[in-house]
């Protein structure tokens, strides 16, 4: 039997900007106010806590698919607290919080609100 030649894999350092794809991406989006099913009249007091294993690039707040607010270039931890006033409030509404990290991974949460 002929012996198979051993293959050698040279190990080289990773480039500085390299990102390992198997690193776990964790983004926690905890909305403390308003709660799902809340009744609203004119304004929404939104409070949300964001924690991410990566730098958060963008937070977008939508009300019935209309962009109400956008925050850019945030660190890995952020508390969003703001009073939002949508132009029109329907009988049933969806408030959506979209978080995008530096690698464009998206985390979102939808809250159903009533008038």
C-alpha atoms as a PDB file:
ATOM      1  CA  UNK A   1       0.000   0.000   0.000  1.00  0.00           C
ATOM      2  CA  UNK A   2       1.181   3.460  -0.852  1.00  0.00           C
ATOM      3  CA  UNK A   3       1.204   5.959   2.022  1.00  0.00           C
ATOM      4  CA  UNK A   4      -0.839   9.078   1.385  1.00  0.00           C
ATOM      5  CA  UNK A   5       1.155  12.295   1.644  1.00  0.00           C
ATOM      6  CA  UNK A   6       0.277  14.422   4.662  1.00  0.00           C
ATOM      7  CA  UNK A   7      -1.424  17.692   3.862  1.00  0.00           C
ATOM      8  CA  UNK A   8      -0.228  20.732   5.723  1.00  0.00           C
ATOM      9  CA  UNK A   9      -2.394  23.722   6.306  1.00  0.00           C
ATOM     10  CA  UNK A  10      -0.436  26.843   7.008  1.00  0.00           C
ATOM     11  CA  UNK A  11      -1.999  28.884   9.735  1.00  0.00           C
ATOM     12  CA  UNK A  12      -1.994  32.594   9.111  1.00  0.00           C
ATOM     13  CA  UNK A  13      -3.299  35.391  11.315  1.00  0.00           C
ATOM     14  CA  UNK A  14      -6.694  36.780  10.388  1.00  0.00           C
ATOM     15  CA  UNK A  15      -6.792  40.235   8.828  1.00  0.00           C
ATOM     16  CA  UNK A  16      -7.778  42.996  11.267  1.00  0.00           C
ATOM     17  CA  UNK A  17     -11.205  43.523   9.630  1.00  0.00           C
ATOM     18  CA  UNK A  18     -12.059  39.814   9.451  1.00  0.00           C
ATOM     19  CA  UNK A  19     -15.317  38.741  11.039  1.00  0.00           C
ATOM     20  CA  UNK A  20     -15.838  35.099  11.923  1.00  0.00           C
ATOM     21  CA  UNK A  21     -19.222  33.965  10.671  1.00  0.00           C
ATOM     22  CA  UNK A  22     -19.706  31.451  13.461  1.00  0.00           C
ATOM     23  CA  UNK A  23     -19.670  34.110  16.171  1.00  0.00           C
ATOM     24  CA  UNK A  24     -23.080  34.256  17.772  1.00  0.00           C
ATOM     25  CA  UNK A  25     -25.043  37.430  17.152  1.00  0.00           C
ATOM     26  CA  UNK A  26     -27.344  38.293  20.025  1.00  0.00           C
ATOM     27  CA  UNK A  27     -29.548  41.368  20.073  1.00  0.00           C
ATOM     28  CA  UNK A  28     -32.046  41.779  22.891  1.00  0.00           C
ATOM     29  CA  UNK A  29     -34.882  44.219  22.359  1.00  0.00           C
ATOM     30  CA  UNK A  30     -36.978  44.722  25.476  1.00  0.00           C
ATOM     31  CA  UNK A  31     -39.902  47.146  25.150  1.00  0.00           C
ATOM     32  CA  UNK A  32     -41.144  48.268  28.565  1.00  0.00           C
ATOM     33  CA  UNK A  33     -43.683  50.805  27.287  1.00  0.00           C
ATOM     34  CA  UNK A  34     -46.174  50.640  25.663  1.00  0.00           C
ATOM     35  CA  UNK A  35     -47.321  47.086  26.307  1.00  0.00           C
ATOM     36  CA  UNK A  36     -49.000  45.023  23.588  1.00  0.00           C
ATOM     37  CA  UNK A  37     -52.742  45.832  23.499  1.00  0.00           C
ATOM     38  CA  UNK A  38     -52.420  49.301  25.047  1.00  0.00           C
ATOM     39  CA  UNK A  39     -55.017  51.968  24.179  1.00  0.00           C
ATOM     40  CA  UNK A  40     -53.555  55.260  22.929  1.00  0.00           C
ATOM     41  CA  UNK A  41     -55.063  58.688  22.205  1.00  0.00           C
ATOM     42  CA  UNK A  42     -52.565  61.070  20.606  1.00  0.00           C
ATOM     43  CA  UNK A  43     -49.020  60.267  21.708  1.00  0.00           C
ATOM     44  CA  UNK A  44     -47.002  57.139  22.451  1.00  0.00           C
ATOM     45  CA  UNK A  45     -44.440  57.016  25.253  1.00  0.00           C
ATOM     46  CA  UNK A  46     -41.923  54.509  23.884  1.00  0.00           C
ATOM     47  CA  UNK A  47     -39.271  53.056  26.171  1.00  0.00           C
ATOM     48  CA  UNK A  48     -37.061  50.237  24.920  1.00  0.00           C
ATOM     49  CA  UNK A  49     -33.809  48.716  26.110  1.00  0.00           C
ATOM     50  CA  UNK A  50     -31.399  47.367  23.507  1.00  0.00           C
ATOM     51  CA  UNK A  51     -28.408  45.120  24.125  1.00  0.00           C
ATOM     52  CA  UNK A  52     -26.336  43.653  21.332  1.00  0.00           C
ATOM     53  CA  UNK A  53     -23.182  41.602  20.973  1.00  0.00           C
ATOM     54  CA  UNK A  54     -22.327  43.891  18.045  1.00  0.00           C
ATOM     55  CA  UNK A  55     -22.472  47.662  17.618  1.00  0.00           C
ATOM     56  CA  UNK A  56     -25.995  48.811  16.751  1.00  0.00           C
ATOM     57  CA  UNK A  57     -25.983  50.735  13.483  1.00  0.00           C
ATOM     58  CA  UNK A  58     -29.614  51.875  13.298  1.00  0.00           C
ATOM     59  CA  UNK A  59     -32.854  51.905  15.258  1.00  0.00           C
ATOM     60  CA  UNK A  60     -35.995  52.642  13.260  1.00  0.00           C
ATOM     61  CA  UNK A  61     -39.450  53.209  14.750  1.00  0.00           C
ATOM     62  CA  UNK A  62     -42.481  52.651  12.507  1.00  0.00           C
ATOM     63  CA  UNK A  63     -46.147  53.326  13.194  1.00  0.00           C
ATOM     64  CA  UNK A  64     -48.453  51.604  10.676  1.00  0.00           C
ATOM     65  CA  UNK A  65     -45.490  51.263   8.280  1.00  0.00           C
ATOM     66  CA  UNK A  66     -44.638  54.981   8.461  1.00  0.00           C
ATOM     67  CA  UNK A  67     -41.177  55.849   9.740  1.00  0.00           C
ATOM     68  CA  UNK A  68     -41.493  58.034  12.858  1.00  0.00           C
ATOM     69  CA  UNK A  69     -37.898  58.091  14.080  1.00  0.00           C
ATOM     70  CA  UNK A  70     -34.404  56.852  13.232  1.00  0.00           C
ATOM     71  CA  UNK A  71     -31.330  56.809  15.461  1.00  0.00           C
ATOM     72  CA  UNK A  72     -27.906  56.097  13.930  1.00  0.00           C
ATOM     73  CA  UNK A  73     -24.505  54.880  15.160  1.00  0.00           C
ATOM     74  CA  UNK A  74     -25.224  53.526  18.614  1.00  0.00           C
ATOM     75  CA  UNK A  75     -23.039  51.454  20.892  1.00  0.00           C
ATOM     76  CA  UNK A  76     -23.881  47.917  22.063  1.00  0.00           C
ATOM     77  CA  UNK A  77     -26.230  49.136  24.797  1.00  0.00           C
ATOM     78  CA  UNK A  78     -28.878  51.818  24.443  1.00  0.00           C
ATOM     79  CA  UNK A  79     -32.091  52.929  26.101  1.00  0.00           C
ATOM     80  CA  UNK A  80     -34.531  54.491  23.673  1.00  0.00           C
ATOM     81  CA  UNK A  81     -37.008  56.795  25.383  1.00  0.00           C
ATOM     82  CA  UNK A  82     -39.139  59.217  23.404  1.00  0.00           C
ATOM     83  CA  UNK A  83     -42.665  60.549  23.015  1.00  0.00           C
ATOM     84  CA  UNK A  84     -43.909  59.885  19.488  1.00  0.00           C
ATOM     85  CA  UNK A  85     -46.920  61.584  17.934  1.00  0.00           C
ATOM     86  CA  UNK A  86     -48.239  59.822  14.823  1.00  0.00           C
ATOM     87  CA  UNK A  87     -50.232  61.895  12.319  1.00  0.00           C
ATOM     88  CA  UNK A  88     -53.138  59.446  12.196  1.00  0.00           C
ATOM     89  CA  UNK A  89     -54.190  56.783  14.675  1.00  0.00           C
ATOM     90  CA  UNK A  90     -56.433  53.998  13.414  1.00  0.00           C
ATOM     91  CA  UNK A  91     -58.681  51.756  15.524  1.00  0.00           C
ATOM     92  CA  UNK A  92     -55.897  49.125  15.391  1.00  0.00           C
ATOM     93  CA  UNK A  93     -52.228  50.105  14.947  1.00  0.00           C
ATOM     94  CA  UNK A  94     -48.830  48.441  14.748  1.00  0.00           C
ATOM     95  CA  UNK A  95     -45.776  49.993  16.350  1.00  0.00           C
ATOM     96  CA  UNK A  96     -42.610  48.356  15.015  1.00  0.00           C
ATOM     97  CA  UNK A  97     -39.102  48.739  16.417  1.00  0.00           C
ATOM     98  CA  UNK A  98     -36.364  47.623  14.016  1.00  0.00           C
ATOM     99  CA  UNK A  99     -32.761  47.251  15.196  1.00  0.00           C
ATOM    100  CA  UNK A 100     -29.951  46.773  12.652  1.00  0.00           C
ATOM    101  CA  UNK A 101     -26.426  45.902  13.782  1.00  0.00           C
ATOM    102  CA  UNK A 102     -23.088  46.618  12.088  1.00  0.00           C
ATOM    103  CA  UNK A 103     -23.371  43.432   9.982  1.00  0.00           C
ATOM    104  CA  UNK A 104     -26.939  44.290   8.888  1.00  0.00           C
ATOM    105  CA  UNK A 105     -28.507  41.622  11.109  1.00  0.00           C
ATOM    106  CA  UNK A 106     -32.057  42.704  11.924  1.00  0.00           C
ATOM    107  CA  UNK A 107     -34.093  42.282  15.097  1.00  0.00           C
ATOM    108  CA  UNK A 108     -37.609  43.622  15.292  1.00  0.00           C
ATOM    109  CA  UNK A 109     -40.564  43.738  17.622  1.00  0.00           C
ATOM    110  CA  UNK A 110     -44.152  44.648  16.800  1.00  0.00           C
ATOM    111  CA  UNK A 111     -46.655  45.952  19.325  1.00  0.00           C
ATOM    112  CA  UNK A 112     -50.377  46.133  18.684  1.00  0.00           C
ATOM    113  CA  UNK A 113     -51.971  49.385  19.890  1.00  0.00           C
ATOM    114  CA  UNK A 114     -55.626  50.461  19.921  1.00  0.00           C
ATOM    115  CA  UNK A 115     -57.368  53.824  19.781  1.00  0.00           C
END
